[in-house]
Amino acid sequence: MKLVTVSEMRLVEEQANKDGFAYNTMMENAGHGLAAEIELLAHTENEEREILGLVGPGNNGGDTLIALSHLAANGWKVRAYLVKREADGDRLVDRLKKEAGEIILEKNDADFDQLSAFVGTTDVVVDGLLGTGLSLPLRPEMTRVLEAVNHAIAELSWPPYVVAVDCPSGINCDTGESADDTIPASLTVCMAAVKQGLLKFPAYDLAGELRVVDIGIDEKLTSWEDIKNYVADEEMVEDILPIRPADSHKGTFGTALIVAGSINYIGAPMLAGKAAYRVGAGLVQLAVPAPVQSAVAGHFPEATWMLLPHAQGVISENAVSVLMKNIEKATAILVGPGFGTEDSTKAFVENLLKGKSGVKKGTARIGFTQTVAEENQVASSQLPPLVIDADGLRLLAKIDNWVNLLPAETILTPHPGEMAALTGKEKDSIQADRLAVALKYASEWRQVVVLKGAFTVIASPEGMATLIPVASPALARAGTGDVLAGMITGLRAQGVPAYEAAVAGAWIHAQAGLYAAEKVGAEASVMAGDVLEAIADVLSGF
């Protein structure tokens, strides 16, 4: 699903219209798609189904009228409540009348008695009052209508299912701001693409489930192709996940090497390692300080182990030599969870990226002197695909010239605090425009950035971004980031490209958080282990 600004969507529609794909045709397709989504809400075809459309003067009102005509033809009892829209001379109103739809004018319902009565008897309310180009504040006359609808719904023991057309009326579809009287939707049916404001607060809490319907836009349209931002969904992730042949063996699915842990954070390697297994890696090896291995090995019999030199329980700088001598089978490597931020571990990270392992390298040719950049490139090329997470990112930020030390297609997975450490920006500034920040630094660093948090953003160095349409306090828990990093590493180990691995890992992780909350029964009670166990539940749906 594409993610668009209001101006981007307007440009697409204008170009499509100029190219011969008329606005009326787009509206017809939108209304038909809206009706199809509403039909999916009905329990049986035998029940008498009643629907009330709130019809405004704009395109969303037109989409609503077309949908109502389709539903009336399919046996629904249909009413259209017209607000700031005249019935006479409106071909869409005439079409609905021919299908026996009832038309009510707001201007003839001064006290909203009819509106309240119809809300009280209907199964579904379709909100097509206002469009995506809305600017706040609302005009007083529209505020009165929204107040009346909300009041009528609040009076009911069994309120109707509310479907918003493109966005709930009262939402700014770029900023996510909302009017106080915005009608909360159970479902928002987006036309062609999701509008960016719906994945911001407070709009997200008012939009309900998001679905997108095709309105027939040519995918080769220049203005459509220029849109590089997406919303992850199940279909996208299914296309990313590797095929698992029946005649495969553990080597088929790669080896994830998890370099993690310290005496104070012994759980991080286990969470990351188990997550790599749960997402399909063939073998998981944990490279940890010896005290960590002795503490958790009994809880993780499926793992193999590499014991790293340590200083009082944290990885020491000379551990690189041990790691590099045993790295040849790894097909992806995760660095950072549970490291701590001691100087010895910082030196380890720097030595790893620079290739200062004590392992003998080929000598330079006579008359040829390698530059520092070339030496760094040679060093980093010895590493398998790399994911850096958690304390690994904070340590990275302390290393001079760290941007030029990273191998190509490294995945960086910061939360806002870690992003602040890497960029020098304030957290509030990062959170104010997460999409733009992730895209900016993915381009500058030439790496894949996973900016975690509500609506996690995955950005590529080529200027593409994907948002995860989930914001849940179930994931606001220590250890869930380790699970995510392990999942991404497990997918990389199986050969999934960096950007795609980050998208799929983040989407599955978010869904696992929702599954875990449902299973546990309370978002506040979800722990990282619950999210880990729910990965299998998510994957079982594919």
Protein backbone atom coordinates (compact mmCIF):
# COMPACT_ATOMS: atom_id res chain seq x y z
CA MET A 1 0.00 0.00 0.00
CA LYS A 2 1.39 3.39 -0.96
CA LEU A 3 1.58 6.23 1.58
CA VAL A 4 0.84 9.67 0.20
CA THR A 5 0.45 13.29 1.13
CA VAL A 6 -2.70 15.09 0.06
CA SER A 7 -0.80 17.04 -2.60
CA GLU A 8 0.79 13.86 -3.99
CA MET A 9 -2.60 12.18 -4.35
CA ARG A 10 -4.11 15.28 -5.93
CA LEU A 11 -1.27 15.37 -8.48
CA VAL A 12 -1.80 11.70 -9.33
CA GLU A 13 -5.51 12.24 -9.93
CA GLU A 14 -4.87 15.36 -12.03
CA GLN A 15 -2.33 13.56 -14.22
CA ALA A 16 -4.60 10.54 -14.60
CA ASN A 17 -7.48 12.77 -15.65
CA LYS A 18 -5.31 14.57 -18.21
CA ASP A 19 -4.24 11.21 -19.60
CA GLY A 20 -7.86 10.23 -20.21
CA PHE A 21 -8.73 8.40 -17.00
CA ALA A 22 -11.60 10.64 -15.96
CA TYR A 23 -12.39 11.80 -12.43
CA ASN A 24 -15.86 10.28 -12.78
CA THR A 25 -14.34 6.89 -13.55
CA MET A 26 -12.06 7.12 -10.53
CA MET A 27 -15.07 7.99 -8.37
CA GLU A 28 -17.08 5.13 -9.80
CA ASN A 29 -14.27 2.69 -8.98
CA ALA A 30 -13.88 4.18 -5.51
CA GLY A 31 -17.59 3.82 -4.75
CA HIS A 32 -17.65 0.26 -6.03
CA GLY A 33 -14.64 -0.64 -3.88
CA LEU A 34 -16.20 1.03 -0.86
CA ALA A 35 -19.40 -0.97 -1.31
CA ALA A 36 -17.40 -4.20 -1.60
CA GLU A 37 -15.63 -3.49 1.70
CA ILE A 38 -18.95 -2.76 3.41
CA GLU A 39 -20.43 -5.99 2.08
CA LEU A 40 -17.65 -7.84 3.91
CA LEU A 41 -19.02 -6.50 7.20
CA ALA A 42 -22.40 -8.22 6.81
CA HIS A 43 -22.86 -11.44 8.79
CA THR A 44 -25.33 -13.13 6.44
CA GLU A 45 -27.07 -12.27 3.23
CA ASN A 46 -30.45 -13.20 4.72
CA GLU A 47 -30.56 -10.52 7.38
CA GLU A 48 -32.11 -7.19 6.52
CA ARG A 49 -29.16 -4.85 6.40
CA GLU A 50 -29.56 -1.14 6.95
CA ILE A 51 -27.05 1.58 6.14
CA LEU A 52 -26.94 5.35 6.60
CA GLY A 53 -24.62 7.44 4.44
CA LEU A 54 -23.52 10.86 5.65
CA VAL A 55 -22.97 12.63 2.35
CA GLY A 56 -20.97 15.83 2.08
CA PRO A 57 -20.53 18.14 -0.93
CA GLY A 58 -17.17 16.79 -2.11
CA ASN A 59 -15.70 13.71 -3.74
CA ASN A 60 -16.04 11.59 -0.60
CA GLY A 61 -19.74 12.34 -0.68
CA GLY A 62 -19.83 11.18 -4.30
CA ASP A 63 -17.99 7.97 -3.42
CA THR A 64 -20.57 7.39 -0.69
CA LEU A 65 -23.56 7.86 -2.98
CA ILE A 66 -22.14 5.42 -5.52
CA ALA A 67 -21.49 2.85 -2.79
CA LEU A 68 -25.01 3.28 -1.44
CA SER A 69 -26.47 2.68 -4.91
CA HIS A 70 -24.53 -0.59 -5.20
CA LEU A 71 -25.68 -1.66 -1.74
CA ALA A 72 -29.30 -0.76 -2.43
CA ALA A 73 -29.15 -2.89 -5.57
CA ASN A 74 -27.88 -5.74 -3.38
CA GLY A 75 -30.83 -5.57 -1.01
CA TRP A 76 -29.66 -3.15 1.67
CA LYS A 77 -32.09 -0.64 3.14
CA VAL A 78 -30.32 2.61 2.28
CA ARG A 79 -30.62 6.19 3.48
CA ALA A 80 -28.47 9.15 2.40
CA TYR A 81 -28.26 12.17 4.69
CA LEU A 82 -27.11 15.10 2.56
CA VAL A 83 -25.12 17.88 4.23
CA LYS A 84 -24.38 21.04 2.22
CA ARG A 85 -25.36 19.10 -0.87
CA GLU A 86 -28.50 19.63 -2.94
CA ALA A 87 -30.53 16.70 -4.23
CA ASP A 88 -31.91 18.39 -7.35
CA GLY A 89 -29.75 17.99 -10.41
CA ASP A 90 -27.28 15.61 -8.75
CA ARG A 91 -26.96 12.57 -11.02
CA LEU A 92 -25.60 10.43 -8.16
CA VAL A 93 -28.60 11.27 -5.98
CA ASP A 94 -30.94 10.48 -8.88
CA ARG A 95 -29.18 7.16 -9.35
CA LEU A 96 -29.70 6.26 -5.69
CA LYS A 97 -33.37 7.20 -5.87
CA LYS A 98 -33.80 4.78 -8.77
CA GLU A 99 -32.48 2.03 -6.47
CA ALA A 100 -35.13 2.98 -3.86
CA GLY A 101 -32.68 4.79 -1.64
CA GLU A 102 -34.17 7.33 0.76
CA ILE A 103 -32.80 10.89 0.61
CA ILE A 104 -32.85 13.23 3.63
CA LEU A 105 -31.59 16.83 3.53
CA GLU A 106 -29.81 18.20 6.58
CA LYS A 107 -31.25 21.65 5.87
CA ASN A 108 -34.73 20.20 6.50
CA ASP A 109 -33.70 18.56 9.78
CA ALA A 110 -33.03 21.59 11.97
CA ASP A 111 -32.83 19.76 15.30
CA PHE A 112 -31.23 16.60 13.85
CA ASP A 113 -34.19 14.51 15.00
CA GLN A 114 -34.21 12.48 11.78
CA LEU A 115 -30.45 12.03 11.87
CA SER A 116 -30.56 10.72 15.44
CA ALA A 117 -33.42 8.34 14.64
CA PHE A 118 -31.65 6.90 11.60
CA VAL A 119 -28.36 6.48 13.49
CA GLY A 120 -30.33 4.59 16.12
CA THR A 121 -31.68 1.97 13.72
CA THR A 122 -28.87 1.48 11.22
CA ASP A 123 -26.22 -1.25 11.16
CA VAL A 124 -23.57 0.81 9.38
CA VAL A 125 -22.86 4.53 9.19
CA VAL A 126 -20.73 5.68 6.24
CA ASP A 127 -18.91 8.92 6.92
CA GLY A 128 -18.46 10.75 3.63
CA LEU A 129 -18.93 14.26 4.97
CA LEU A 130 -15.49 15.81 4.55
CA GLY A 131 -12.50 15.09 2.34
CA THR A 132 -8.74 14.74 2.57
CA GLY A 133 -8.08 18.40 1.79
CA LEU A 134 -9.60 19.57 5.05
CA SER A 135 -8.06 22.48 6.94
CA LEU A 136 -8.85 23.00 10.61
CA PRO A 137 -10.71 24.49 12.39
CA LEU A 138 -14.06 23.26 11.10
CA ARG A 139 -16.83 25.64 10.22
CA PRO A 140 -19.51 25.87 12.94
CA GLU A 141 -22.26 24.37 10.77
CA MET A 142 -20.20 21.23 10.11
CA THR A 143 -19.21 20.99 13.76
CA ARG A 144 -22.92 20.87 14.64
CA VAL A 145 -23.47 17.90 12.33
CA LEU A 146 -20.52 15.98 13.75
CA GLU A 147 -21.67 16.72 17.29
CA ALA A 148 -25.14 15.42 16.48
CA VAL A 149 -23.79 12.18 15.01
CA ASN A 150 -21.48 11.55 17.95
CA HIS A 151 -24.23 12.31 20.43
CA ALA A 152 -26.63 9.92 18.69
CA ILE A 153 -24.04 7.14 18.68
CA ALA A 154 -23.14 7.71 22.33
CA GLU A 155 -26.77 7.21 23.34
CA LEU A 156 -26.88 3.66 21.95
CA SER A 157 -26.15 0.42 23.76
CA TRP A 158 -25.28 -1.21 20.41
CA PRO A 159 -23.77 1.51 18.24
CA PRO A 160 -23.51 1.08 14.46
CA TYR A 161 -20.28 0.18 12.69
CA VAL A 162 -18.74 3.39 11.35
CA VAL A 163 -16.93 3.33 8.01
CA ALA A 164 -14.97 6.44 7.04
CA VAL A 165 -14.42 7.24 3.37
CA ASP A 166 -10.70 7.95 2.82
CA CYS A 167 -10.45 9.51 6.30
CA PRO A 168 -12.72 10.27 9.26
CA SER A 169 -14.34 13.68 8.82
CA GLY A 170 -12.41 16.23 10.85
CA ILE A 171 -8.92 14.81 10.22
CA ASN A 172 -6.07 16.73 8.62
CA CYS A 173 -4.71 14.03 6.33
CA ASP A 174 -1.17 15.42 6.28
CA THR A 175 -0.57 16.31 9.93
CA GLY A 176 -2.85 13.86 11.72
CA GLU A 177 -4.51 16.67 13.66
CA SER A 178 -8.21 16.27 14.39
CA ALA A 179 -11.22 18.32 15.29
CA ASP A 180 -12.69 17.67 18.71
CA ASP A 181 -15.87 16.31 17.15
CA THR A 182 -14.32 13.98 14.60
CA ILE A 183 -16.45 10.84 14.24
CA PRO A 184 -14.34 7.83 15.31
CA ALA A 185 -14.35 5.10 12.67
CA SER A 186 -14.16 1.35 13.06
CA LEU A 187 -12.83 1.10 9.50
CA THR A 188 -11.32 3.66 7.13
CA VAL A 189 -11.45 2.73 3.46
CA CYS A 190 -8.63 4.61 1.74
CA MET A 191 -8.89 5.38 -1.94
CA ALA A 192 -5.79 4.21 -3.88
CA ALA A 193 -3.36 4.91 -1.03
CA VAL A 194 -3.13 5.58 2.70
CA LYS A 195 -2.91 9.26 3.57
CA GLN A 196 0.10 10.07 5.75
CA GLY A 197 -1.86 11.78 8.51
CA LEU A 198 -3.70 8.54 9.32
CA LEU A 199 -0.43 7.11 10.66
CA LYS A 200 0.04 9.96 13.09
CA PHE A 201 -1.64 10.80 16.36
CA PRO A 202 -4.40 11.59 17.17
CA ALA A 203 -5.76 10.57 13.75
CA TYR A 204 -4.62 6.95 14.11
CA ASP A 205 -6.79 6.45 17.19
CA LEU A 206 -9.81 7.71 15.26
CA ALA A 207 -9.35 5.84 11.98
CA GLY A 208 -9.83 2.22 13.10
CA GLU A 209 -8.68 -0.48 10.70
CA LEU A 210 -7.18 0.77 7.43
CA ARG A 211 -7.98 -0.81 4.07
CA VAL A 212 -7.12 0.39 0.58
CA VAL A 213 -9.27 0.00 -2.53
CA ASP A 214 -8.03 0.24 -6.10
CA ILE A 215 -9.52 3.12 -8.08
CA GLY A 216 -7.84 2.11 -11.34
CA ILE A 217 -4.76 4.37 -11.32
CA ASP A 218 -2.19 3.29 -13.92
CA GLU A 219 0.85 2.11 -11.97
CA LYS A 220 3.08 3.44 -14.75
CA LEU A 221 1.80 6.97 -14.24
CA THR A 222 4.86 9.14 -13.54
CA SER A 223 3.41 10.87 -10.49
CA TRP A 224 2.38 7.48 -9.08
CA GLU A 225 5.78 5.91 -9.70
CA ASP A 226 7.45 8.90 -8.03
CA ILE A 227 5.81 8.00 -4.71
CA LYS A 228 8.34 5.87 -2.83
CA ASN A 229 6.69 5.61 0.57
CA TYR A 230 4.64 2.56 1.54
CA VAL A 231 2.62 1.00 4.34
CA ALA A 232 3.54 -2.61 5.11
CA ASP A 233 0.81 -5.20 4.91
CA GLU A 234 0.48 -8.97 4.91
CA GLU A 235 0.69 -9.28 1.14
CA MET A 236 3.94 -7.30 1.03
CA VAL A 237 5.52 -9.44 3.74
CA GLU A 238 4.36 -12.68 2.18
CA ASP A 239 6.19 -11.74 -1.02
CA ILE A 240 9.38 -11.15 0.99
CA LEU A 241 9.51 -14.32 3.07
CA PRO A 242 11.80 -17.02 1.63
CA ILE A 243 10.41 -20.25 0.25
CA ARG A 244 11.08 -23.30 2.42
CA PRO A 245 11.56 -26.33 0.14
CA ALA A 246 10.65 -29.76 1.48
CA ASP A 247 14.14 -31.07 0.73
CA SER A 248 15.93 -28.27 2.60
CA HIS A 249 18.40 -28.69 5.47
CA LYS A 250 19.67 -26.33 8.16
CA GLY A 251 22.32 -24.97 5.81
CA THR A 252 19.61 -23.89 3.40
CA PHE A 253 18.44 -21.24 5.83
CA GLY A 254 21.78 -19.81 6.88
CA THR A 255 23.57 -19.14 10.14
CA ALA A 256 22.74 -16.11 12.29
CA LEU A 257 25.62 -15.03 14.50
CA ILE A 258 24.44 -13.02 17.50
CA VAL A 259 27.26 -11.00 19.10
CA ALA A 260 25.63 -9.72 22.24
CA GLY A 261 25.34 -9.63 25.99
CA SER A 262 27.23 -8.66 29.12
CA ILE A 263 27.03 -9.67 32.76
CA ASN A 264 24.30 -7.07 33.38
CA TYR A 265 22.22 -7.97 30.32
CA ILE A 266 22.26 -11.74 30.00
CA GLY A 267 18.77 -12.04 28.48
CA ALA A 268 19.41 -9.99 25.33
CA PRO A 269 21.41 -12.66 23.42
CA MET A 270 18.85 -15.32 24.21
CA LEU A 271 15.89 -13.20 23.08
CA ALA A 272 17.65 -12.20 19.86
CA GLY A 273 18.87 -15.72 19.15
CA LYS A 274 15.51 -17.36 19.71
CA ALA A 275 13.86 -14.73 17.52
CA ALA A 276 16.31 -15.53 14.71
CA TYR A 277 15.33 -19.19 15.00
CA ARG A 278 11.60 -18.42 15.18
CA VAL A 279 11.75 -16.47 11.94
CA GLY A 280 13.40 -19.37 10.15
CA ALA A 281 17.22 -19.25 10.45
CA GLY A 282 18.80 -22.69 10.11
CA LEU A 283 21.43 -22.25 12.82
CA VAL A 284 21.95 -19.64 15.50
CA GLN A 285 25.31 -19.11 17.16
CA LEU A 286 25.71 -16.85 20.15
CA ALA A 287 29.04 -15.06 20.61
CA VAL A 288 28.99 -13.87 24.22
CA PRO A 289 31.18 -13.35 27.28
CA ALA A 290 31.64 -16.65 29.15
CA PRO A 291 29.58 -15.59 32.21
CA VAL A 292 26.58 -15.01 29.95
CA GLN A 293 26.85 -18.47 28.40
CA SER A 294 26.99 -20.20 31.76
CA ALA A 295 23.89 -18.30 32.90
CA VAL A 296 21.60 -18.94 29.92
CA ALA A 297 22.85 -22.04 28.07
CA GLY A 298 20.41 -24.30 29.91
CA HIS A 299 17.53 -22.16 28.69
CA PHE A 300 18.60 -22.27 25.04
CA PRO A 301 19.73 -25.77 24.04
CA GLU A 302 19.19 -25.11 20.33
CA ALA A 303 22.00 -22.54 20.17
CA THR A 304 25.68 -23.08 19.55
CA TRP A 305 28.17 -20.89 21.38
CA MET A 306 31.30 -18.86 20.84
CA LEU A 307 32.89 -17.66 24.07
CA LEU A 308 34.49 -14.24 23.76
CA PRO A 309 37.26 -12.76 25.92
CA HIS A 310 35.78 -10.43 28.50
CA ALA A 311 36.75 -7.92 31.13
CA GLN A 312 34.61 -8.27 34.25
CA GLY A 313 31.73 -9.66 32.23
CA VAL A 314 31.77 -7.30 29.24
CA ILE A 315 33.24 -8.04 25.82
CA SER A 316 36.87 -6.94 25.64
CA GLU A 317 38.56 -5.22 22.71
CA ASN A 318 40.72 -8.23 21.81
CA ALA A 319 37.64 -10.44 21.37
CA VAL A 320 37.69 -9.54 17.67
CA SER A 321 40.45 -12.06 16.98
CA VAL A 322 38.32 -14.91 18.36
CA LEU A 323 35.26 -13.73 16.46
CA MET A 324 36.98 -13.35 13.10
CA LYS A 325 38.60 -16.80 13.31
CA ASN A 326 35.12 -18.34 13.64
CA ILE A 327 32.99 -16.14 11.44
CA GLU A 328 33.27 -17.90 8.09
CA LYS A 329 29.99 -19.87 8.37
CA ALA A 330 27.86 -16.91 9.43
CA THR A 331 25.49 -15.59 6.77
CA ALA A 332 24.38 -12.62 8.90
CA ILE A 333 25.67 -11.05 12.09
CA LEU A 334 23.91 -9.02 14.79
CA VAL A 335 26.05 -6.76 16.96
CA GLY A 336 25.01 -4.89 20.05
CA PRO A 337 22.09 -6.15 22.17
CA GLY A 338 22.96 -6.14 25.85
CA PHE A 339 26.54 -4.91 25.28
CA GLY A 340 26.62 -2.13 27.84
CA THR A 341 28.60 0.98 26.95
CA GLU A 342 32.02 0.32 28.47
CA ASP A 343 35.13 1.55 26.64
CA SER A 344 36.45 -1.98 26.12
CA THR A 345 33.32 -2.93 24.19
CA LYS A 346 33.51 0.27 22.18
CA ALA A 347 37.04 -0.70 21.20
CA PHE A 348 35.74 -4.15 20.21
CA VAL A 349 33.14 -2.61 17.88
CA GLU A 350 35.74 -0.30 16.35
CA ASN A 351 38.24 -3.11 15.88
CA LEU A 352 35.54 -5.28 14.32
CA LEU A 353 34.63 -2.64 11.75
CA LYS A 354 38.26 -1.81 10.99
CA GLY A 355 39.28 -5.44 10.76
CA LYS A 356 41.90 -5.15 13.50
CA SER A 357 41.69 -8.78 14.48
CA GLY A 358 45.24 -9.99 14.33
CA VAL A 359 44.24 -12.15 11.37
CA LYS A 360 46.89 -11.86 8.65
CA LYS A 361 45.78 -9.94 5.58
CA GLY A 362 47.27 -9.85 2.11
CA THR A 363 50.05 -7.30 1.66
CA ALA A 364 49.79 -4.34 -0.68
CA ARG A 365 51.36 -4.54 -4.10
CA ILE A 366 54.76 -2.87 -4.65
CA GLY A 367 54.30 0.77 -5.52
CA PHE A 368 50.69 0.81 -4.24
CA THR A 369 49.67 2.34 -0.93
CA GLN A 370 46.16 1.76 0.37
CA THR A 371 44.27 4.77 1.64
CA VAL A 372 42.47 4.70 4.99
CA ALA A 373 39.12 4.48 3.20
CA GLU A 374 40.35 1.54 1.12
CA GLU A 375 41.66 -0.22 4.20
CA ASN A 376 38.29 0.25 5.91
CA GLN A 377 36.53 -1.12 2.84
CA VAL A 378 38.75 -4.19 2.82
CA ALA A 379 38.16 -4.69 6.56
CA SER A 380 34.39 -4.34 6.41
CA SER A 381 34.13 -6.59 3.36
CA GLN A 382 35.24 -9.50 5.56
CA LEU A 383 32.02 -9.27 7.54
CA PRO A 384 28.77 -11.04 6.64
CA PRO A 385 25.62 -8.91 6.29
CA LEU A 386 25.50 -6.78 9.43
CA VAL A 387 22.76 -5.59 11.79
CA ILE A 388 23.66 -3.16 14.59
CA ASP A 389 21.24 -2.65 17.46
CA ALA A 390 20.88 -1.22 20.95
CA ASP A 391 24.13 -0.46 22.80
CA GLY A 392 25.99 -1.29 19.61
CA LEU A 393 24.51 1.91 18.15
CA ARG A 394 25.46 4.05 21.14
CA LEU A 395 29.02 2.72 20.94
CA LEU A 396 29.06 3.28 17.19
CA ALA A 397 28.18 6.94 17.73
CA LYS A 398 31.38 7.35 19.80
CA ILE A 399 33.65 6.07 17.04
CA ASP A 400 35.30 8.60 14.73
CA ASN A 401 34.29 8.32 11.08
CA TRP A 402 31.88 5.49 11.90
CA VAL A 403 29.75 6.14 8.83
CA ASN A 404 32.62 5.16 6.54
CA LEU A 405 33.45 2.03 8.52
CA LEU A 406 30.18 0.23 7.88
CA PRO A 407 29.83 -2.46 5.20
CA ALA A 408 27.30 -1.80 2.46
CA GLU A 409 23.70 -2.74 3.30
CA THR A 410 24.21 -2.60 7.05
CA ILE A 411 20.92 -2.36 8.95
CA LEU A 412 20.81 0.13 11.84
CA THR A 413 17.87 -0.28 14.24
CA PRO A 414 17.72 2.76 16.56
CA HIS A 415 14.90 3.83 18.82
CA PRO A 416 14.56 7.64 19.09
CA GLY A 417 17.11 7.91 21.90
CA GLU A 418 19.70 5.93 19.95
CA MET A 419 18.88 7.94 16.83
CA ALA A 420 19.59 11.08 18.84
CA ALA A 421 23.00 9.68 19.82
CA LEU A 422 23.82 8.87 16.19
CA THR A 423 22.63 12.18 14.73
CA GLY A 424 23.12 14.73 17.49
CA LYS A 425 19.47 15.78 17.10
CA GLU A 426 17.01 16.15 19.95
CA LYS A 427 14.54 13.30 20.40
CA ASP A 428 11.59 15.66 20.08
CA SER A 429 12.91 16.85 16.73
CA ILE A 430 13.26 13.26 15.55
CA GLN A 431 9.77 12.32 16.68
CA ALA A 432 8.25 15.41 15.05
CA ASP A 433 8.93 14.05 11.55
CA ARG A 434 10.06 10.46 11.84
CA LEU A 435 9.64 9.63 8.16
CA ALA A 436 11.74 12.56 6.95
CA VAL A 437 14.45 11.92 9.54
CA ALA A 438 14.75 8.23 8.70
CA LEU A 439 14.94 8.99 4.96
CA LYS A 440 17.51 11.75 5.45
CA TYR A 441 19.96 9.65 7.42
CA ALA A 442 19.47 6.47 5.43
CA SER A 443 20.58 8.51 2.42
CA GLU A 444 23.45 10.27 4.21
CA TRP A 445 24.77 7.10 5.85
CA ARG A 446 24.08 4.96 2.75
CA GLN A 447 22.54 2.26 4.97
CA VAL A 448 19.12 0.86 5.87
CA VAL A 449 17.63 2.62 8.91
CA VAL A 450 14.90 1.12 11.09
CA LEU A 451 13.59 3.96 13.26
CA LYS A 452 11.67 2.08 15.93
CA GLY A 453 8.63 3.24 17.85
CA ALA A 454 4.98 3.85 17.08
CA PHE A 455 4.74 3.41 13.29
CA THR A 456 8.27 2.09 12.88
CA VAL A 457 9.90 3.53 9.75
CA ILE A 458 12.21 1.50 7.52
CA ALA A 459 14.19 3.73 5.14
CA SER A 460 16.57 2.75 2.36
CA PRO A 461 19.56 4.71 1.04
CA GLU A 462 17.76 4.89 -2.32
CA GLY A 463 14.99 7.05 -0.85
CA MET A 464 12.31 4.42 -0.28
CA ALA A 465 10.50 4.07 3.04
CA THR A 466 7.94 1.71 4.54
CA LEU A 467 5.88 2.39 7.66
CA ILE A 468 4.57 -0.32 9.96
CA PRO A 469 0.92 0.61 10.68
CA VAL A 470 0.99 -0.41 14.34
CA ALA A 471 1.30 1.61 17.52
CA SER A 472 0.86 -0.49 20.64
CA PRO A 473 2.04 -0.16 24.24
CA ALA A 474 2.37 -3.95 24.22
CA LEU A 475 5.73 -3.38 22.49
CA ALA A 476 6.88 -0.72 24.95
CA ARG A 477 8.82 -3.21 27.02
CA ALA A 478 12.47 -4.02 27.62
CA GLY A 479 13.69 -6.82 25.40
CA THR A 480 11.24 -6.39 22.53
CA GLY A 481 13.93 -4.56 20.56
CA ASP A 482 16.23 -7.56 20.99
CA VAL A 483 13.48 -9.75 19.54
CA LEU A 484 13.12 -7.43 16.53
CA ALA A 485 16.87 -7.30 15.89
CA GLY A 486 17.06 -11.09 16.07
CA MET A 487 14.21 -11.48 13.60
CA ILE A 488 15.79 -9.12 11.08
CA THR A 489 19.11 -10.94 11.45
CA GLY A 490 17.41 -14.30 11.00
CA LEU A 491 15.86 -13.12 7.75
CA ARG A 492 19.17 -11.69 6.55
CA ALA A 493 20.81 -15.03 7.35
CA GLN A 494 18.34 -16.69 4.97
CA GLY A 495 19.43 -14.39 2.16
CA VAL A 496 16.63 -11.84 2.29
CA PRO A 497 17.95 -8.42 1.09
CA ALA A 498 18.59 -5.81 3.76
CA TYR A 499 15.65 -3.47 3.20
CA GLU A 500 13.16 -6.28 2.70
CA ALA A 501 14.43 -8.15 5.77
CA ALA A 502 13.94 -5.03 7.87
CA VAL A 503 10.41 -4.49 6.54
CA ALA A 504 9.31 -8.08 7.04
CA GLY A 505 10.94 -8.36 10.45
CA ALA A 506 9.37 -5.15 11.71
CA TRP A 507 5.89 -6.06 10.42
CA ILE A 508 5.96 -9.57 11.90
CA HIS A 509 7.30 -8.15 15.17
CA ALA A 510 4.47 -5.62 15.38
CA GLN A 511 1.83 -8.24 14.64
CA ALA A 512 3.39 -10.53 17.25
CA GLY A 513 3.00 -7.74 19.80
CA LEU A 514 -0.71 -7.50 18.98
CA TYR A 515 -1.12 -11.28 19.14
CA ALA A 516 0.69 -11.39 22.48
CA ALA A 517 -1.51 -8.68 23.97
CA GLU A 518 -4.63 -10.56 22.89
CA LYS A 519 -3.34 -13.83 24.33
CA VAL A 520 -2.11 -12.38 27.62
CA GLY A 521 -5.23 -10.27 27.96
CA ALA A 522 -3.63 -6.93 28.79
CA GLU A 523 -1.15 -4.78 26.89
CA ALA A 524 0.49 -3.78 30.17
CA SER A 525 1.30 -7.42 30.95
CA VAL A 526 3.06 -8.32 27.71
CA MET A 527 6.74 -9.21 28.09
CA ALA A 528 9.39 -9.67 25.41
CA GLY A 529 9.11 -13.43 25.76
CA ASP A 530 5.41 -13.25 24.94
CA VAL A 531 6.21 -11.37 21.72
CA LEU A 532 8.86 -13.98 20.92
CA GLU A 533 6.39 -16.84 21.35
CA ALA A 534 3.81 -15.07 19.18
CA ILE A 535 6.09 -14.99 16.13
CA ALA A 536 4.95 -18.50 15.21
CA ASP A 537 1.30 -17.42 15.46
CA VAL A 538 1.94 -14.63 12.94
CA LEU A 539 3.86 -16.85 10.53
CA SER A 540 1.17 -19.52 10.67
CA GLY A 541 -1.06 -17.10 8.77
CA PHE A 542 1.09 -17.25 5.64
